[in-house]
Amino acid sequence: TESAAIRDGLVAAIFALFAVAAQALYSQSIVQTAWMIFALG
């Protein structure tokens, strides 16, 4: 809701990496790991 500039978008993209890492708290299966690598890329 405040991502108006390039810097804001970059912060949101970095913030999203923590959400990707949080997926490992619930599952570390091969499918989940592949999804996390794809999302990270």
Full PDB file with SEQRES, HELIX, SHEET, SSBOND, CRYST1, ORIGX, SCALE, CONECT and MASTER records, all heavy atoms in Angstrom:
SEQRES   1 A   41  THR GLU SER ALA ALA ILE ARG ASP GLY LEU VAL ALA ALA          
SEQRES   2 A   41  ILE PHE ALA LEU PHE ALA VAL ALA ALA GLN ALA LEU TYR          
SEQRES   3 A   41  SER GLN SER ILE VAL GLN THR ALA TRP MET ILE PHE ALA          
SEQRES   4 A   41  LEU GLY                                                      
HELIX    1 AA1 ILE A    6  ALA A   22  1                                  17    
HELIX    2 AA2 GLN A   23  LEU A   25  5                                   3    
HELIX    3 AA3 ILE A   30  LEU A   40  1                                  11    
CRYST1    1.000    1.000    1.000  90.00  90.00  90.00 P 1           1          
ORIGX1      1.000000  0.000000  0.000000        0.00000                         
ORIGX2      0.000000  1.000000  0.000000        0.00000                         
ORIGX3      0.000000  0.000000  1.000000        0.00000                         
SCALE1      1.000000  0.000000  0.000000        0.00000                         
SCALE2      0.000000  1.000000  0.000000        0.00000                         
SCALE3      0.000000  0.000000  1.000000        0.00000                         
ATOM      1  N   THR A   1       0.814  -1.213   0.000  1.00  0.00           N  
ATOM      2  CA  THR A   1       0.000   0.000   0.000  1.00  0.00           C  
ATOM      3  C   THR A   1       0.849   1.265   0.000  1.00  0.00           C  
ATOM      4  O   THR A   1       0.313   2.363  -0.195  1.00  0.00           O  
ATOM      5  CB  THR A   1      -0.935   0.028   1.218  1.00  0.00           C  
ATOM      6  OG1 THR A   1      -0.152   0.028   2.427  1.00  0.00           O  
ATOM      7  CG2 THR A   1      -1.856  -1.193   1.223  1.00  0.00           C  
ATOM      8  N   GLU A   2       2.160   1.137   0.232  1.00  0.00           N  
ATOM      9  CA  GLU A   2       3.038   2.301   0.181  1.00  0.00           C  
ATOM     10  C   GLU A   2       4.166   2.126  -0.823  1.00  0.00           C  
ATOM     11  O   GLU A   2       5.082   2.942  -0.879  1.00  0.00           O  
ATOM     12  CB  GLU A   2       3.623   2.585   1.567  1.00  0.00           C  
ATOM     13  CG  GLU A   2       4.550   1.497   2.083  1.00  0.00           C  
ATOM     14  CD  GLU A   2       5.272   1.904   3.362  1.00  0.00           C  
ATOM     15  OE1 GLU A   2       5.026   3.025   3.838  1.00  0.00           O  
ATOM     16  OE2 GLU A   2       6.067   1.098   3.873  1.00  0.00           O  
ATOM     17  N   SER A   3       4.129   1.055  -1.596  1.00  0.00           N  
ATOM     18  CA  SER A   3       5.201   0.781  -2.561  1.00  0.00           C  
ATOM     19  C   SER A   3       4.967   1.585  -3.831  1.00  0.00           C  
ATOM     20  O   SER A   3       4.437   1.075  -4.820  1.00  0.00           O  
ATOM     21  CB  SER A   3       5.267  -0.717  -2.868  1.00  0.00           C  
ATOM     22  OG  SER A   3       5.580  -1.451  -1.709  1.00  0.00           O  
ATOM     23  N   ALA A   4       5.379   2.839  -3.790  1.00  0.00           N  
ATOM     24  CA  ALA A   4       5.179   3.726  -4.930  1.00  0.00           C  
ATOM     25  C   ALA A   4       6.446   3.903  -5.750  1.00  0.00           C  
ATOM     26  O   ALA A   4       6.377   4.071  -6.964  1.00  0.00           O  
ATOM     27  CB  ALA A   4       4.677   5.092  -4.452  1.00  0.00           C  
ATOM     28  N   ALA A   5       7.610   3.856  -5.106  1.00  0.00           N  
ATOM     29  CA  ALA A   5       8.871   4.082  -5.791  1.00  0.00           C  
ATOM     30  C   ALA A   5       9.625   2.766  -5.973  1.00  0.00           C  
ATOM     31  O   ALA A   5       9.256   1.728  -5.418  1.00  0.00           O  
ATOM     32  CB  ALA A   5       9.728   5.078  -5.007  1.00  0.00           C  
ATOM     33  N   ILE A   6      10.704   2.824  -6.754  1.00  0.00           N  
ATOM     34  CA  ILE A   6      11.530   1.640  -6.997  1.00  0.00           C  
ATOM     35  C   ILE A   6      12.093   1.101  -5.690  1.00  0.00           C  
ATOM     36  O   ILE A   6      12.128  -0.116  -5.463  1.00  0.00           O  
ATOM     37  CB  ILE A   6      12.676   1.989  -7.963  1.00  0.00           C  
ATOM     38  CG1 ILE A   6      12.125   2.394  -9.333  1.00  0.00           C  
ATOM     39  CG2 ILE A   6      13.632   0.818  -8.106  1.00  0.00           C  
ATOM     40  CD1 ILE A   6      11.411   1.284 -10.050  1.00  0.00           C  
ATOM     41  N   ARG A   7      12.520   1.998  -4.817  1.00  0.00           N  
ATOM     42  CA  ARG A   7      13.083   1.576  -3.528  1.00  0.00           C  
ATOM     43  C   ARG A   7      12.051   0.811  -2.719  1.00  0.00           C  
ATOM     44  O   ARG A   7      12.371  -0.197  -2.070  1.00  0.00           O  
ATOM     45  CB  ARG A   7      13.574   2.797  -2.756  1.00  0.00           C  
ATOM     46  CG  ARG A   7      14.113   2.479  -1.373  1.00  0.00           C  
ATOM     47  CD  ARG A   7      14.558   3.750  -0.659  1.00  0.00           C  
ATOM     48  NE  ARG A   7      14.978   3.468   0.697  1.00  0.00           N  
ATOM     49  CZ  ARG A   7      14.169   3.390   1.736  1.00  0.00           C  
ATOM     50  NH1 ARG A   7      12.849   3.577   1.556  1.00  0.00           N  
ATOM     51  NH2 ARG A   7      14.622   3.136   2.947  1.00  0.00           N  
ATOM     52  N   ASP A   8      10.804   1.257  -2.718  1.00  0.00           N  
ATOM     53  CA  ASP A   8       9.750   0.569  -1.978  1.00  0.00           C  
ATOM     54  C   ASP A   8       9.525  -0.835  -2.539  1.00  0.00           C  
ATOM     55  O   ASP A   8       9.330  -1.791  -1.792  1.00  0.00           O  
ATOM     56  CB  ASP A   8       8.447   1.371  -2.046  1.00  0.00           C  
ATOM     57  CG  ASP A   8       8.588   2.748  -1.433  1.00  0.00           C  
ATOM     58  OD1 ASP A   8       9.275   2.866  -0.415  1.00  0.00           O  
ATOM     59  OD2 ASP A   8       8.016   3.708  -1.983  1.00  0.00           O  
ATOM     60  N   GLY A   9       9.524  -0.951  -3.866  1.00  0.00           N  
ATOM     61  CA  GLY A   9       9.362  -2.258  -4.465  1.00  0.00           C  
ATOM     62  C   GLY A   9      10.510  -3.190  -4.128  1.00  0.00           C  
ATOM     63  O   GLY A   9      10.299  -4.388  -3.905  1.00  0.00           O  
ATOM     64  N   LEU A  10      11.723  -2.652  -4.076  1.00  0.00           N  
ATOM     65  CA  LEU A  10      12.880  -3.466  -3.724  1.00  0.00           C  
ATOM     66  C   LEU A  10      12.783  -3.960  -2.289  1.00  0.00           C  
ATOM     67  O   LEU A  10      13.086  -5.126  -1.992  1.00  0.00           O  
ATOM     68  CB  LEU A  10      14.160  -2.655  -3.920  1.00  0.00           C  
ATOM     69  CG  LEU A  10      15.481  -3.384  -3.666  1.00  0.00           C  
ATOM     70  CD1 LEU A  10      15.624  -4.574  -4.613  1.00  0.00           C  
ATOM     71  CD2 LEU A  10      16.657  -2.420  -3.833  1.00  0.00           C  
ATOM     72  N   VAL A  11      12.351  -3.093  -1.382  1.00  0.00           N  
ATOM     73  CA  VAL A  11      12.174  -3.494   0.014  1.00  0.00           C  
ATOM     74  C   VAL A  11      11.117  -4.593   0.124  1.00  0.00           C  
ATOM     75  O   VAL A  11      11.283  -5.575   0.868  1.00  0.00           O  
ATOM     76  CB  VAL A  11      11.793  -2.280   0.880  1.00  0.00           C  
ATOM     77  CG1 VAL A  11      11.391  -2.712   2.284  1.00  0.00           C  
ATOM     78  CG2 VAL A  11      12.957  -1.296   0.955  1.00  0.00           C  
ATOM     79  N   ALA A  12      10.031  -4.457  -0.620  1.00  0.00           N  
ATOM     80  CA  ALA A  12       8.983  -5.484  -0.595  1.00  0.00           C  
ATOM     81  C   ALA A  12       9.502  -6.816  -1.120  1.00  0.00           C  
ATOM     82  O   ALA A  12       9.166  -7.882  -0.579  1.00  0.00           O  
ATOM     83  CB  ALA A  12       7.781  -5.019  -1.417  1.00  0.00           C  
ATOM     84  N   ALA A  13      10.333  -6.783  -2.177  1.00  0.00           N  
ATOM     85  CA  ALA A  13      10.899  -8.020  -2.716  1.00  0.00           C  
ATOM     86  C   ALA A  13      11.837  -8.687  -1.716  1.00  0.00           C  
ATOM     87  O   ALA A  13      11.841  -9.917  -1.578  1.00  0.00           O  
ATOM     88  CB  ALA A  13      11.636  -7.728  -4.024  1.00  0.00           C  
ATOM     89  N   ILE A  14      12.635  -7.890  -1.006  1.00  0.00           N  
ATOM     90  CA  ILE A  14      13.516  -8.453   0.022  1.00  0.00           C  
ATOM     91  C   ILE A  14      12.698  -8.992   1.186  1.00  0.00           C  
ATOM     92  O   ILE A  14      12.985 -10.065   1.739  1.00  0.00           O  
ATOM     93  CB  ILE A  14      14.518  -7.376   0.492  1.00  0.00           C  
ATOM     94  CG1 ILE A  14      15.433  -6.969  -0.664  1.00  0.00           C  
ATOM     95  CG2 ILE A  14      15.338  -7.878   1.672  1.00  0.00           C  
ATOM     96  CD1 ILE A  14      16.361  -5.815  -0.333  1.00  0.00           C  
ATOM     97  N   PHE A  15      11.655  -8.273   1.571  1.00  0.00           N  
ATOM     98  CA  PHE A  15      10.762  -8.699   2.639  1.00  0.00           C  
ATOM     99  C   PHE A  15      10.126 -10.042   2.295  1.00  0.00           C  
ATOM    100  O   PHE A  15       9.926 -10.902   3.163  1.00  0.00           O  
ATOM    101  CB  PHE A  15       9.696  -7.627   2.849  1.00  0.00           C  
ATOM    102  CG  PHE A  15       8.976  -7.711   4.167  1.00  0.00           C  
ATOM    103  CD1 PHE A  15       9.290  -8.672   5.102  1.00  0.00           C  
ATOM    104  CD2 PHE A  15       7.963  -6.806   4.464  1.00  0.00           C  
ATOM    105  CE1 PHE A  15       8.622  -8.747   6.317  1.00  0.00           C  
ATOM    106  CE2 PHE A  15       7.289  -6.873   5.667  1.00  0.00           C  
ATOM    107  CZ  PHE A  15       7.615  -7.846   6.594  1.00  0.00           C  
ATOM    108  N   ALA A  16       9.800 -10.243   1.018  1.00  0.00           N  
ATOM    109  CA  ALA A  16       9.163 -11.484   0.585  1.00  0.00           C  
ATOM    110  C   ALA A  16      10.079 -12.690   0.767  1.00  0.00           C  
ATOM    111  O   ALA A  16       9.598 -13.824   0.908  1.00  0.00           O  
ATOM    112  CB  ALA A  16       8.728 -11.367  -0.869  1.00  0.00           C  
ATOM    113  N   LEU A  17      11.402 -12.471   0.785  1.00  0.00           N  
ATOM    114  CA  LEU A  17      12.327 -13.580   0.995  1.00  0.00           C  
ATOM    115  C   LEU A  17      12.124 -14.229   2.368  1.00  0.00           C  
ATOM    116  O   LEU A  17      12.309 -15.439   2.526  1.00  0.00           O  
ATOM    117  CB  LEU A  17      13.772 -13.088   0.856  1.00  0.00           C  
ATOM    118  CG  LEU A  17      14.190 -12.594  -0.537  1.00  0.00           C  
ATOM    119  CD1 LEU A  17      15.596 -12.027  -0.492  1.00  0.00           C  
ATOM    120  CD2 LEU A  17      14.098 -13.716  -1.554  1.00  0.00           C  
ATOM    121  N   PHE A  18      11.734 -13.434   3.358  1.00  0.00           N  
ATOM    122  CA  PHE A  18      11.472 -13.994   4.683  1.00  0.00           C  
ATOM    123  C   PHE A  18      10.233 -14.888   4.661  1.00  0.00           C  
ATOM    124  O   PHE A  18      10.174 -15.898   5.366  1.00  0.00           O  
ATOM    125  CB  PHE A  18      11.299 -12.865   5.699  1.00  0.00           C  
ATOM    126  CG  PHE A  18      12.559 -12.105   5.993  1.00  0.00           C  
ATOM    127  CD1 PHE A  18      12.878 -10.952   5.299  1.00  0.00           C  
ATOM    128  CD2 PHE A  18      13.443 -12.556   6.958  1.00  0.00           C  
ATOM    129  CE1 PHE A  18      14.039 -10.258   5.559  1.00  0.00           C  
ATOM    130  CE2 PHE A  18      14.621 -11.867   7.237  1.00  0.00           C  
ATOM    131  CZ  PHE A  18      14.912 -10.716   6.529  1.00  0.00           C  
ATOM    132  N   ALA A  19       9.245 -14.510   3.842  1.00  0.00           N  
ATOM    133  CA  ALA A  19       8.065 -15.362   3.705  1.00  0.00           C  
ATOM    134  C   ALA A  19       8.416 -16.674   3.030  1.00  0.00           C  
ATOM    135  O   ALA A  19       7.860 -17.728   3.360  1.00  0.00           O  
ATOM    136  CB  ALA A  19       6.977 -14.626   2.919  1.00  0.00           C  
ATOM    137  N   VAL A  20       9.348 -16.633   2.072  1.00  0.00           N  
ATOM    138  CA  VAL A  20       9.818 -17.870   1.439  1.00  0.00           C  
ATOM    139  C   VAL A  20      10.533 -18.742   2.457  1.00  0.00           C  
ATOM    140  O   VAL A  20      10.293 -19.960   2.543  1.00  0.00           O  
ATOM    141  CB  VAL A  20      10.743 -17.544   0.252  1.00  0.00           C  
ATOM    142  CG1 VAL A  20      11.342 -18.825  -0.327  1.00  0.00           C  
ATOM    143  CG2 VAL A  20       9.985 -16.795  -0.830  1.00  0.00           C  
ATOM    144  N   ALA A  21      11.417 -18.145   3.251  1.00  0.00           N  
ATOM    145  CA  ALA A  21      12.152 -18.917   4.262  1.00  0.00           C  
ATOM    146  C   ALA A  21      11.214 -19.503   5.309  1.00  0.00           C  
ATOM    147  O   ALA A  21      11.451 -20.606   5.819  1.00  0.00           O  
ATOM    148  CB  ALA A  21      13.200 -18.026   4.931  1.00  0.00           C  
ATOM    149  N   ALA A  22      10.130 -18.799   5.629  1.00  0.00           N  
ATOM    150  CA  ALA A  22       9.185 -19.280   6.640  1.00  0.00           C  
ATOM    151  C   ALA A  22       8.462 -20.541   6.184  1.00  0.00           C  
ATOM    152  O   ALA A  22       7.924 -21.280   7.021  1.00  0.00           O  
ATOM    153  CB  ALA A  22       8.167 -18.190   6.973  1.00  0.00           C  
ATOM    154  N   GLN A  23       8.448 -20.819   4.882  1.00  0.00           N  
ATOM    155  CA  GLN A  23       7.813 -22.043   4.408  1.00  0.00           C  
ATOM    156  C   GLN A  23       8.514 -23.286   4.941  1.00  0.00           C  
ATOM    157  O   GLN A  23       7.889 -24.336   5.130  1.00  0.00           O  
ATOM    158  CB  GLN A  23       7.803 -22.062   2.875  1.00  0.00           C  
ATOM    159  CG  GLN A  23       7.009 -20.935   2.241  1.00  0.00           C  
ATOM    160  CD  GLN A  23       7.164 -20.897   0.735  1.00  0.00           C  
ATOM    161  OE1 GLN A  23       7.575 -21.878   0.118  1.00  0.00           O  
ATOM    162  NE2 GLN A  23       6.840 -19.762   0.126  1.00  0.00           N  
ATOM    163  N   ALA A  24       9.824 -23.182   5.207  1.00  0.00           N  
ATOM    164  CA  ALA A  24      10.584 -24.327   5.716  1.00  0.00           C  
ATOM    165  C   ALA A  24      10.224 -24.666   7.157  1.00  0.00           C  
ATOM    166  O   ALA A  24      10.591 -25.739   7.638  1.00  0.00           O  
ATOM    167  CB  ALA A  24      12.082 -24.043   5.606  1.00  0.00           C  
ATOM    168  N   LEU A  25       9.538 -23.766   7.852  1.00  0.00           N  
ATOM    169  CA  LEU A  25       9.121 -24.071   9.216  1.00  0.00           C  
ATOM    170  C   LEU A  25       8.077 -25.181   9.266  1.00  0.00           C  
ATOM    171  O   LEU A  25       7.930 -25.863  10.277  1.00  0.00           O  
ATOM    172  CB  LEU A  25       8.556 -22.814   9.884  1.00  0.00           C  
ATOM    173  CG  LEU A  25       9.531 -21.652  10.100  1.00  0.00           C  
ATOM    174  CD1 LEU A  25       8.783 -20.439  10.631  1.00  0.00           C  
ATOM    175  CD2 LEU A  25      10.638 -22.057  11.062  1.00  0.00           C  
ATOM    176  N   TYR A  26       7.341 -25.368   8.166  1.00  0.00           N  
ATOM    177  CA  TYR A  26       6.245 -26.323   8.145  1.00  0.00           C  
ATOM    178  C   TYR A  26       6.553 -27.566   7.319  1.00  0.00           C  
ATOM    179  O   TYR A  26       6.033 -28.642   7.607  1.00  0.00           O  
ATOM    180  CB  TYR A  26       4.984 -25.651   7.587  1.00  0.00           C  
ATOM    181  CG  TYR A  26       4.541 -24.458   8.389  1.00  0.00           C  
ATOM    182  CD1 TYR A  26       4.811 -23.162   7.969  1.00  0.00           C  
ATOM    183  CD2 TYR A  26       3.866 -24.617   9.591  1.00  0.00           C  
ATOM    184  CE1 TYR A  26       4.416 -22.069   8.707  1.00  0.00           C  
ATOM    185  CE2 TYR A  26       3.475 -23.524  10.346  1.00  0.00           C  
ATOM    186  CZ  TYR A  26       3.747 -22.250   9.890  1.00  0.00           C  
ATOM    187  OH  TYR A  26       3.358 -21.168  10.636  1.00  0.00           O  
ATOM    188  N   SER A  27       7.373 -27.427   6.301  1.00  0.00           N  
ATOM    189  CA  SER A  27       7.662 -28.574   5.443  1.00  0.00           C  
ATOM    190  C   SER A  27       9.019 -28.389   4.790  1.00  0.00           C  
ATOM    191  O   SER A  27       9.378 -27.271   4.396  1.00  0.00           O  
ATOM    192  CB  SER A  27       6.586 -28.731   4.363  1.00  0.00           C  
ATOM    193  OG  SER A  27       6.931 -29.755   3.448  1.00  0.00           O  
ATOM    194  N   GLN A  28       9.779 -29.488   4.697  1.00  0.00           N  
ATOM    195  CA  GLN A  28      11.066 -29.485   4.026  1.00  0.00           C  
ATOM    196  C   GLN A  28      11.118 -30.606   2.996  1.00  0.00           C  
ATOM    197  O   GLN A  28      12.172 -31.180   2.735  1.00  0.00           O  
ATOM    198  CB  GLN A  28      12.198 -29.620   5.045  1.00  0.00           C  
ATOM    199  CG  GLN A  28      12.238 -28.493   6.061  1.00  0.00           C  
ATOM    200  CD  GLN A  28      13.319 -28.676   7.115  1.00  0.00           C  
ATOM    201  OE1 GLN A  28      14.225 -29.484   6.945  1.00  0.00           O  
ATOM    202  NE2 GLN A  28      13.208 -27.937   8.210  1.00  0.00           N  
ATOM    203  N   SER A  29       9.969 -30.900   2.410  1.00  0.00           N  
ATOM    204  CA  SER A  29       9.893 -31.946   1.399  1.00  0.00           C  
ATOM    205  C   SER A  29      10.578 -31.489   0.116  1.00  0.00           C  
ATOM    206  O   SER A  29      10.911 -30.306  -0.051  1.00  0.00           O  
ATOM    207  CB  SER A  29       8.438 -32.299   1.107  1.00  0.00           C  
ATOM    208  OG  SER A  29       7.761 -31.186   0.543  1.00  0.00           O  
ATOM    209  N   ILE A  30      10.765 -32.429  -0.808  1.00  0.00           N  
ATOM    210  CA  ILE A  30      11.423 -32.100  -2.072  1.00  0.00           C  
ATOM    211  C   ILE A  30      10.580 -31.098  -2.863  1.00  0.00           C  
ATOM    212  O   ILE A  30      11.105 -30.134  -3.441  1.00  0.00           O  
ATOM    213  CB  ILE A  30      11.654 -33.389  -2.886  1.00  0.00           C  
ATOM    214  CG1 ILE A  30      12.639 -34.305  -2.147  1.00  0.00           C  
ATOM    215  CG2 ILE A  30      12.188 -33.051  -4.277  1.00  0.00           C  
ATOM    216  CD1 ILE A  30      12.894 -35.617  -2.847  1.00  0.00           C  
ATOM    217  N   VAL A  31       9.267 -31.306  -2.880  1.00  0.00           N  
ATOM    218  CA  VAL A  31       8.390 -30.397  -3.613  1.00  0.00           C  
ATOM    219  C   VAL A  31       8.437 -28.997  -3.001  1.00  0.00           C  
ATOM    220  O   VAL A  31       8.532 -27.991  -3.714  1.00  0.00           O  
ATOM    221  CB  VAL A  31       6.949 -30.934  -3.635  1.00  0.00           C  
ATOM    222  CG1 VAL A  31       6.007 -29.931  -4.288  1.00  0.00           C  
ATOM    223  CG2 VAL A  31       6.892 -32.274  -4.355  1.00  0.00           C  
ATOM    224  N   GLN A  32       8.387 -28.934  -1.673  1.00  0.00           N  
ATOM    225  CA  GLN A  32       8.432 -27.633  -0.999  1.00  0.00           C  
ATOM    226  C   GLN A  32       9.756 -26.934  -1.247  1.00  0.00           C  
ATOM    227  O   GLN A  32       9.808 -25.729  -1.493  1.00  0.00           O  
ATOM    228  CB  GLN A  32       8.201 -27.821   0.494  1.00  0.00           C  
ATOM    229  CG  GLN A  32       8.183 -26.531   1.303  1.00  0.00           C  
ATOM    230  CD  GLN A  32       6.979 -25.672   0.983  1.00  0.00           C  
ATOM    231  OE1 GLN A  32       5.853 -26.076   1.204  1.00  0.00           O  
ATOM    232  NE2 GLN A  32       7.209 -24.493   0.438  1.00  0.00           N  
ATOM    233  N   THR A  33      10.853 -27.693  -1.180  1.00  0.00           N  
ATOM    234  CA  THR A  33      12.169 -27.115  -1.419  1.00  0.00           C  
ATOM    235  C   THR A  33      12.296 -26.592  -2.839  1.00  0.00           C  
ATOM    236  O   THR A  33      12.849 -25.509  -3.073  1.00  0.00           O  
ATOM    237  CB  THR A  33      13.262 -28.156  -1.138  1.00  0.00           C  
ATOM    238  OG1 THR A  33      13.140 -28.632   0.216  1.00  0.00           O  
ATOM    239  CG2 THR A  33      14.641 -27.560  -1.328  1.00  0.00           C  
ATOM    240  N   ALA A  34      11.783 -27.363  -3.807  1.00  0.00           N  
ATOM    241  CA  ALA A  34      11.823 -26.912  -5.207  1.00  0.00           C  
ATOM    242  C   ALA A  34      11.025 -25.620  -5.389  1.00  0.00           C  
ATOM    243  O   ALA A  34      11.446 -24.711  -6.114  1.00  0.00           O  
ATOM    244  CB  ALA A  34      11.287 -28.013  -6.119  1.00  0.00           C  
ATOM    245  N   TRP A  35       9.868 -25.548  -4.720  1.00  0.00           N  
ATOM    246  CA  TRP A  35       9.059 -24.321  -4.802  1.00  0.00           C  
ATOM    247  C   TRP A  35       9.801 -23.134  -4.202  1.00  0.00           C  
ATOM    248  O   TRP A  35       9.773 -22.025  -4.763  1.00  0.00           O  
ATOM    249  CB  TRP A  35       7.732 -24.543  -4.078  1.00  0.00           C  
ATOM    250  CG  TRP A  35       6.828 -23.340  -4.104  1.00  0.00           C  
ATOM    251  CD1 TRP A  35       6.816 -22.297  -3.212  1.00  0.00           C  
ATOM    252  CD2 TRP A  35       5.836 -23.029  -5.076  1.00  0.00           C  
ATOM    253  NE1 TRP A  35       5.868 -21.369  -3.557  1.00  0.00           N  
ATOM    254  CE2 TRP A  35       5.250 -21.795  -4.704  1.00  0.00           C  
ATOM    255  CE3 TRP A  35       5.367 -23.681  -6.228  1.00  0.00           C  
ATOM    256  CZ2 TRP A  35       4.231 -21.201  -5.435  1.00  0.00           C  
ATOM    257  CZ3 TRP A  35       4.351 -23.083  -6.959  1.00  0.00           C  
ATOM    258  CH2 TRP A  35       3.796 -21.857  -6.556  1.00  0.00           C  
ATOM    259  N   MET A  36      10.464 -23.351  -3.069  1.00  0.00           N  
ATOM    260  CA  MET A  36      11.206 -22.277  -2.425  1.00  0.00           C  
ATOM    261  C   MET A  36      12.346 -21.790  -3.314  1.00  0.00           C  
ATOM    262  O   MET A  36      12.603 -20.584  -3.406  1.00  0.00           O  
ATOM    263  CB  MET A  36      11.735 -22.747  -1.075  1.00  0.00           C  
ATOM    264  CG  MET A  36      10.656 -23.009  -0.034  1.00  0.00           C  
ATOM    265  SD  MET A  36      11.312 -23.769   1.473  1.00  0.00           S  
ATOM    266  CE  MET A  36      12.452 -22.505   2.029  1.00  0.00           C  
ATOM    267  N   ILE A  37      13.058 -22.721  -3.969  1.00  0.00           N  
ATOM    268  CA  ILE A  37      14.148 -22.328  -4.862  1.00  0.00           C  
ATOM    269  C   ILE A  37      13.610 -21.530  -6.046  1.00  0.00           C  
ATOM    270  O   ILE A  37      14.194 -20.516  -6.452  1.00  0.00           O  
ATOM    271  CB  ILE A  37      14.914 -23.574  -5.336  1.00  0.00           C  
ATOM    272  CG1 ILE A  37      15.634 -24.230  -4.147  1.00  0.00           C  
ATOM    273  CG2 ILE A  37      15.921 -23.211  -6.419  1.00  0.00           C  
ATOM    274  CD1 ILE A  37      16.306 -25.547  -4.489  1.00  0.00           C  
ATOM    275  N   PHE A  38      12.475 -21.969  -6.596  1.00  0.00           N  
ATOM    276  CA  PHE A  38      11.873 -21.248  -7.707  1.00  0.00           C  
ATOM    277  C   PHE A  38      11.449 -19.843  -7.276  1.00  0.00           C  
ATOM    278  O   PHE A  38      11.702 -18.858  -7.991  1.00  0.00           O  
ATOM    279  CB  PHE A  38      10.667 -22.027  -8.232  1.00  0.00           C  
ATOM    280  CG  PHE A  38       9.925 -21.324  -9.334  1.00  0.00           C  
ATOM    281  CD1 PHE A  38      10.441 -21.265 -10.617  1.00  0.00           C  
ATOM    282  CD2 PHE A  38       8.715 -20.699  -9.078  1.00  0.00           C  
ATOM    283  CE1 PHE A  38       9.763 -20.608 -11.634  1.00  0.00           C  
ATOM    284  CE2 PHE A  38       8.023 -20.038 -10.087  1.00  0.00           C  
ATOM    285  CZ  PHE A  38       8.554 -19.992 -11.367  1.00  0.00           C  
ATOM    286  N   ALA A  39      10.790 -19.739  -6.102  1.00  0.00           N  
ATOM    287  CA  ALA A  39      10.369 -18.428  -5.606  1.00  0.00           C  
ATOM    288  C   ALA A  39      11.572 -17.540  -5.328  1.00  0.00           C  
ATOM    289  O   ALA A  39      11.544 -16.332  -5.620  1.00  0.00           O  
ATOM    290  CB  ALA A  39       9.527 -18.603  -4.334  1.00  0.00           C  
ATOM    291  N   LEU A  40      12.637 -18.123  -4.784  1.00  0.00           N  
ATOM    292  CA  LEU A  40      13.853 -17.352  -4.531  1.00  0.00           C  
ATOM    293  C   LEU A  40      14.443 -16.834  -5.833  1.00  0.00           C  
ATOM    294  O   LEU A  40      14.829 -15.660  -5.926  1.00  0.00           O  
ATOM    295  CB  LEU A  40      14.869 -18.233  -3.801  1.00  0.00           C  
ATOM    296  CG  LEU A  40      16.264 -17.635  -3.582  1.00  0.00           C  
ATOM    297  CD1 LEU A  40      16.193 -16.383  -2.729  1.00  0.00           C  
ATOM    298  CD2 LEU A  40      17.188 -18.671  -2.935  1.00  0.00           C  
ATOM    299  N   GLY A  41      14.501 -17.686  -6.850  1.00  0.00           N  
ATOM    300  CA  GLY A  41      15.031 -17.247  -8.137  1.00  0.00           C  
ATOM    301  C   GLY A  41      14.195 -16.147  -8.760  1.00  0.00           C  
ATOM    302  O   GLY A  41      14.733 -15.191  -9.339  1.00  0.00           O  
TER     303      GLY A  41                                                      
MASTER        0    0    0    3    0    0    0    6  302    1    0    4          
END                                                                             
